[in-house]
Amino acid sequence: MIGSASWLVERSAAVLAGADEPLATLPQEQRARVERLRRAQDRDDFVAARQLTQRLVAQVTGRAASEVRFTQSCHQCGGPHGRPMVDSAELHLSWSHAGGWVGSVVGDRPCGIDLEPATDRPPLFDVLTATEQQEVQSLPESQQSSAFLRLWVRKEALLKAAGTGLSEPAALAQLDVRTSFVIYHEREWQLTDLGVKGGKHEVVAAMAEERFR
C-alpha cells in the first residue's frame, strides 16, 4: 500500500492460474468484448486485469472475491468501457494490462495505474513536453526507451485517475510528470513509480492518486 491506495502487478498467466472459471464473473457485455479480441494474449490480459482487481477489492473490503462485480460506462458514448466502478461509492479503482502483465489499484480517492512491458522501441517524443524531451535525449541511446516509458506510464496513470483517459491526447504533450506531485485539472496528484520486475522481463508501472490537503 502507498498512501491510501493498494496496488498489485502480476503476470496474467499467474492470475488466471489461480482463478476458477474467470469468465463466469464477467457480465455479458464484458464477455462479448473478450470474444471480439483476436489475440489469445489480449483475451487473457483483459480477463486477468478484472480478476486481479476483483481479488484486490476483496482484500481491501474483506468481502468474498466472488461477490465483487464491476461496471463500466463511457461518459462520452455510454458504451461498456471507460473508468471501472464497483458497487461501493467509497472505493475508486483502476486497472491496466499489456503484453502478459496486469496491474490494479484500489483506494479511497481517485487513482489510476498504467504499465507497459519494457521495450527497445524509440521514444515517442511528440507526447512529451519540451523539457521531458530534452531530459530523455540527454541520456545514452540505450537508456532512452526506458526513460520514455517511465514518463509515459506516469502520464497515462494520471489521465486515468483524473477520469479523462486518452480522450484528451493533446494533454500528454503539455503534462510534465517528472516530479512526484503534479497539478492537473486544478487538483494535486501524487505520482509513484512502482518499479515492478519479473524474471528476465521488466515491466514499467506507475500509479497516480489524488492528494488531499
Protein backbone atom coordinates (compact mmCIF):
# COMPACT_ATOMS: atom_id res chain seq x y z
CA MET A 1 0.00 0.00 0.00
CA ILE A 2 1.21 3.51 -0.86
CA GLY A 3 -0.74 6.36 0.73
CA SER A 4 -4.36 5.30 0.87
CA ALA A 5 -4.16 3.10 -2.22
CA SER A 6 -3.37 -0.61 -2.52
CA TRP A 7 -1.89 -2.00 -5.73
CA LEU A 8 -0.86 -5.25 -7.38
CA VAL A 9 1.09 -6.01 -10.55
CA GLU A 10 1.34 -9.61 -11.75
CA ARG A 11 1.69 -11.71 -14.86
CA SER A 12 -1.63 -12.53 -16.50
CA ALA A 13 -0.82 -16.24 -16.58
CA ALA A 14 -0.28 -16.32 -12.81
CA VAL A 15 -3.57 -14.54 -12.15
CA LEU A 16 -5.58 -16.85 -14.40
CA ALA A 17 -3.88 -19.96 -12.99
CA GLY A 18 -5.38 -19.17 -9.61
CA ALA A 19 -8.86 -18.30 -10.90
CA ASP A 20 -11.81 -20.68 -11.08
CA GLU A 21 -13.85 -20.09 -14.26
CA PRO A 22 -12.75 -16.43 -14.63
CA LEU A 23 -15.21 -15.66 -17.43
CA ALA A 24 -18.14 -16.58 -15.20
CA THR A 25 -17.65 -13.43 -13.10
CA LEU A 26 -17.87 -11.09 -16.10
CA PRO A 27 -21.18 -9.53 -17.16
CA GLN A 28 -22.45 -10.42 -20.63
CA GLU A 29 -21.23 -7.22 -22.30
CA GLN A 30 -17.72 -7.82 -20.94
CA ARG A 31 -17.70 -11.43 -22.17
CA ALA A 32 -18.74 -10.12 -25.59
CA ARG A 33 -15.74 -7.78 -25.56
CA VAL A 34 -13.45 -10.70 -24.76
CA GLU A 35 -14.80 -12.69 -27.70
CA ARG A 36 -14.10 -9.80 -30.08
CA LEU A 37 -10.40 -9.75 -29.20
CA ARG A 38 -8.41 -11.65 -31.83
CA ARG A 39 -5.19 -12.43 -29.95
CA ALA A 40 -5.24 -15.01 -27.16
CA GLN A 41 -2.82 -12.88 -25.11
CA ASP A 42 -5.14 -9.87 -25.34
CA ARG A 43 -8.07 -12.00 -24.17
CA ASP A 44 -6.04 -13.34 -21.24
CA ASP A 45 -4.86 -9.85 -20.25
CA PHE A 46 -8.40 -8.45 -20.42
CA VAL A 47 -9.81 -11.15 -18.13
CA ALA A 48 -6.80 -11.23 -15.79
CA ALA A 49 -6.96 -7.47 -15.14
CA ARG A 50 -10.52 -7.83 -13.89
CA GLN A 51 -9.66 -10.93 -11.86
CA LEU A 52 -6.73 -9.17 -10.19
CA THR A 53 -8.87 -6.14 -9.36
CA GLN A 54 -11.61 -8.39 -8.00
CA ARG A 55 -9.05 -10.01 -5.71
CA LEU A 56 -7.65 -6.65 -4.59
CA VAL A 57 -11.09 -5.21 -3.82
CA ALA A 58 -11.82 -8.34 -1.78
CA GLN A 59 -8.60 -7.85 0.20
CA VAL A 60 -9.35 -4.20 0.89
CA THR A 61 -13.01 -4.65 1.84
CA GLY A 62 -12.99 -8.09 3.43
CA ARG A 63 -15.64 -9.31 1.02
CA ALA A 64 -15.50 -12.60 -0.84
CA ALA A 65 -13.89 -12.12 -4.25
CA SER A 66 -16.81 -13.95 -5.88
CA GLU A 67 -19.16 -11.20 -4.65
CA VAL A 68 -17.22 -8.34 -6.26
CA ARG A 69 -18.73 -7.08 -9.52
CA PHE A 70 -17.61 -4.25 -11.79
CA THR A 71 -19.39 -1.96 -14.20
CA GLN A 72 -18.01 0.28 -16.93
CA SER A 73 -19.75 3.08 -18.77
CA CYS A 74 -18.09 5.58 -21.07
CA HIS A 75 -19.01 9.15 -20.10
CA GLN A 76 -18.89 10.14 -23.78
CA CYS A 77 -20.68 7.36 -25.68
CA GLY A 78 -22.27 5.29 -22.91
CA GLY A 79 -20.53 2.11 -24.10
CA PRO A 80 -19.35 -0.65 -21.71
CA HIS A 81 -15.83 0.73 -21.36
CA GLY A 82 -14.11 3.59 -19.58
CA ARG A 83 -13.42 4.06 -15.87
CA PRO A 84 -14.26 0.85 -13.94
CA MET A 85 -16.54 1.10 -10.92
CA VAL A 86 -17.50 -1.25 -8.12
CA ASP A 87 -20.72 -1.29 -6.11
CA SER A 88 -19.29 0.90 -3.37
CA ALA A 89 -19.25 4.68 -3.58
CA GLU A 90 -16.31 4.73 -1.15
CA LEU A 91 -13.89 2.92 -3.47
CA HIS A 92 -12.00 4.13 -6.52
CA LEU A 93 -10.17 1.72 -8.77
CA SER A 94 -8.20 1.36 -11.97
CA TRP A 95 -6.59 -1.43 -13.95
CA SER A 96 -4.10 -1.80 -16.77
CA HIS A 97 -2.98 -4.69 -18.97
CA ALA A 98 -0.37 -5.12 -21.69
CA GLY A 99 1.88 -7.83 -23.06
CA GLY A 100 1.11 -10.51 -20.49
CA TRP A 101 1.11 -8.18 -17.47
CA VAL A 102 -1.80 -6.78 -15.46
CA GLY A 103 -1.97 -4.14 -12.75
CA SER A 104 -4.66 -2.88 -10.39
CA VAL A 105 -5.02 -0.10 -7.84
CA VAL A 106 -7.83 0.44 -5.31
CA GLY A 107 -8.14 3.42 -2.98
CA ASP A 108 -10.45 5.77 -1.11
CA ARG A 109 -9.77 8.63 -3.54
CA PRO A 110 -9.41 8.91 -7.34
CA CYS A 111 -6.48 6.80 -8.53
CA GLY A 112 -5.07 5.33 -11.73
CA ILE A 113 -2.49 2.77 -12.79
CA ASP A 114 -0.66 2.08 -16.03
CA LEU A 115 2.00 -0.39 -17.09
CA GLU A 116 3.99 -1.30 -20.18
CA PRO A 117 6.43 -4.16 -20.79
CA ALA A 118 9.98 -2.92 -21.30
CA THR A 119 10.88 -2.34 -24.94
CA ASP A 120 13.71 -1.04 -27.10
CA ARG A 121 11.37 0.90 -29.38
CA PRO A 122 12.34 4.54 -29.98
CA PRO A 123 10.61 7.12 -27.73
CA LEU A 124 7.52 8.96 -28.98
CA PHE A 125 8.79 12.46 -28.39
CA ASP A 126 5.58 14.17 -29.55
CA VAL A 127 3.78 13.12 -26.33
CA LEU A 128 6.46 14.68 -24.11
CA THR A 129 6.88 18.26 -23.00
CA ALA A 130 9.91 20.12 -24.34
CA THR A 131 11.69 19.70 -21.00
CA GLU A 132 10.91 15.98 -20.89
CA GLN A 133 12.20 15.58 -24.44
CA GLN A 134 15.47 17.28 -23.53
CA GLU A 135 15.86 15.08 -20.47
CA VAL A 136 15.32 11.85 -22.42
CA GLN A 137 17.52 12.94 -25.34
CA SER A 138 20.36 13.82 -22.96
CA LEU A 139 20.64 10.15 -21.95
CA PRO A 140 22.66 7.49 -23.79
CA GLU A 141 20.56 5.97 -26.57
CA SER A 142 20.44 2.64 -24.72
CA GLN A 143 18.59 4.31 -21.81
CA GLN A 144 16.14 6.46 -23.75
CA SER A 145 13.41 3.83 -24.22
CA SER A 146 13.14 3.02 -20.51
CA ALA A 147 13.22 6.72 -19.59
CA PHE A 148 10.42 7.41 -22.06
CA LEU A 149 8.30 4.51 -20.76
CA ARG A 150 8.62 5.81 -17.20
CA LEU A 151 7.17 9.15 -18.29
CA TRP A 152 4.52 7.52 -20.49
CA VAL A 153 3.05 5.28 -17.77
CA ARG A 154 3.04 8.20 -15.32
CA LYS A 155 1.06 10.29 -17.82
CA GLU A 156 -1.45 7.52 -18.54
CA ALA A 157 -1.89 6.72 -14.85
CA LEU A 158 -2.62 10.38 -14.16
CA LEU A 159 -5.13 10.72 -17.00
CA LYS A 160 -6.91 7.58 -15.77
CA ALA A 161 -7.01 8.90 -12.21
CA ALA A 162 -8.41 12.23 -13.39
CA GLY A 163 -11.09 10.41 -15.39
CA THR A 164 -10.12 11.85 -18.77
CA GLY A 165 -8.05 8.97 -20.13
CA LEU A 166 -6.78 9.38 -23.67
CA SER A 167 -9.88 11.35 -24.60
CA GLU A 168 -7.51 14.31 -24.13
CA PRO A 169 -4.45 13.16 -26.13
CA ALA A 170 -3.23 16.71 -26.61
CA ALA A 171 -2.83 16.96 -22.83
CA LEU A 172 0.06 14.48 -22.91
CA ALA A 173 2.47 16.93 -24.53
CA GLN A 174 1.52 19.64 -22.01
CA LEU A 175 1.76 17.47 -18.91
CA ASP A 176 5.12 17.41 -17.15
CA VAL A 177 5.26 14.32 -14.92
CA ARG A 178 8.90 14.31 -13.85
CA THR A 179 8.08 15.23 -10.24
CA SER A 180 6.19 13.36 -7.53
CA PHE A 181 3.42 15.96 -7.26
CA VAL A 182 1.59 17.40 -10.26
CA ILE A 183 -1.28 19.85 -10.68
CA TYR A 184 -3.78 18.70 -13.31
CA HIS A 185 -7.35 19.94 -13.80
CA GLU A 186 -6.84 22.21 -10.78
CA ARG A 187 -6.23 19.23 -8.48
CA GLU A 188 -3.00 17.95 -6.96
CA TRP A 189 -1.89 14.40 -7.74
CA GLN A 190 0.84 12.18 -6.35
CA LEU A 191 2.76 10.05 -8.86
CA THR A 192 4.59 6.90 -7.79
CA ASP A 193 6.87 4.61 -9.80
CA LEU A 194 6.04 1.03 -8.84
CA GLY A 195 9.28 -0.42 -10.18
CA VAL A 196 7.97 -3.93 -10.69
CA LYS A 197 10.22 -6.56 -12.25
CA GLY A 198 9.56 -10.13 -13.29
CA GLY A 199 12.30 -12.59 -14.16
CA LYS A 200 14.19 -11.60 -17.29
CA HIS A 201 11.44 -9.28 -18.49
CA GLU A 202 10.92 -5.98 -16.74
CA VAL A 203 7.61 -4.18 -16.69
CA VAL A 204 7.43 -0.42 -16.13
CA ALA A 205 4.49 0.66 -13.96
CA ALA A 206 3.25 3.78 -12.20
CA MET A 207 0.24 4.91 -10.22
CA ALA A 208 -1.40 8.28 -9.61
CA GLU A 209 -3.56 9.25 -6.67
CA GLU A 210 -5.36 12.48 -5.84
CA ARG A 211 -3.69 14.22 -2.93
CA PHE A 212 -5.99 15.72 -0.32
CA ARG A 213 -4.58 18.65 1.59
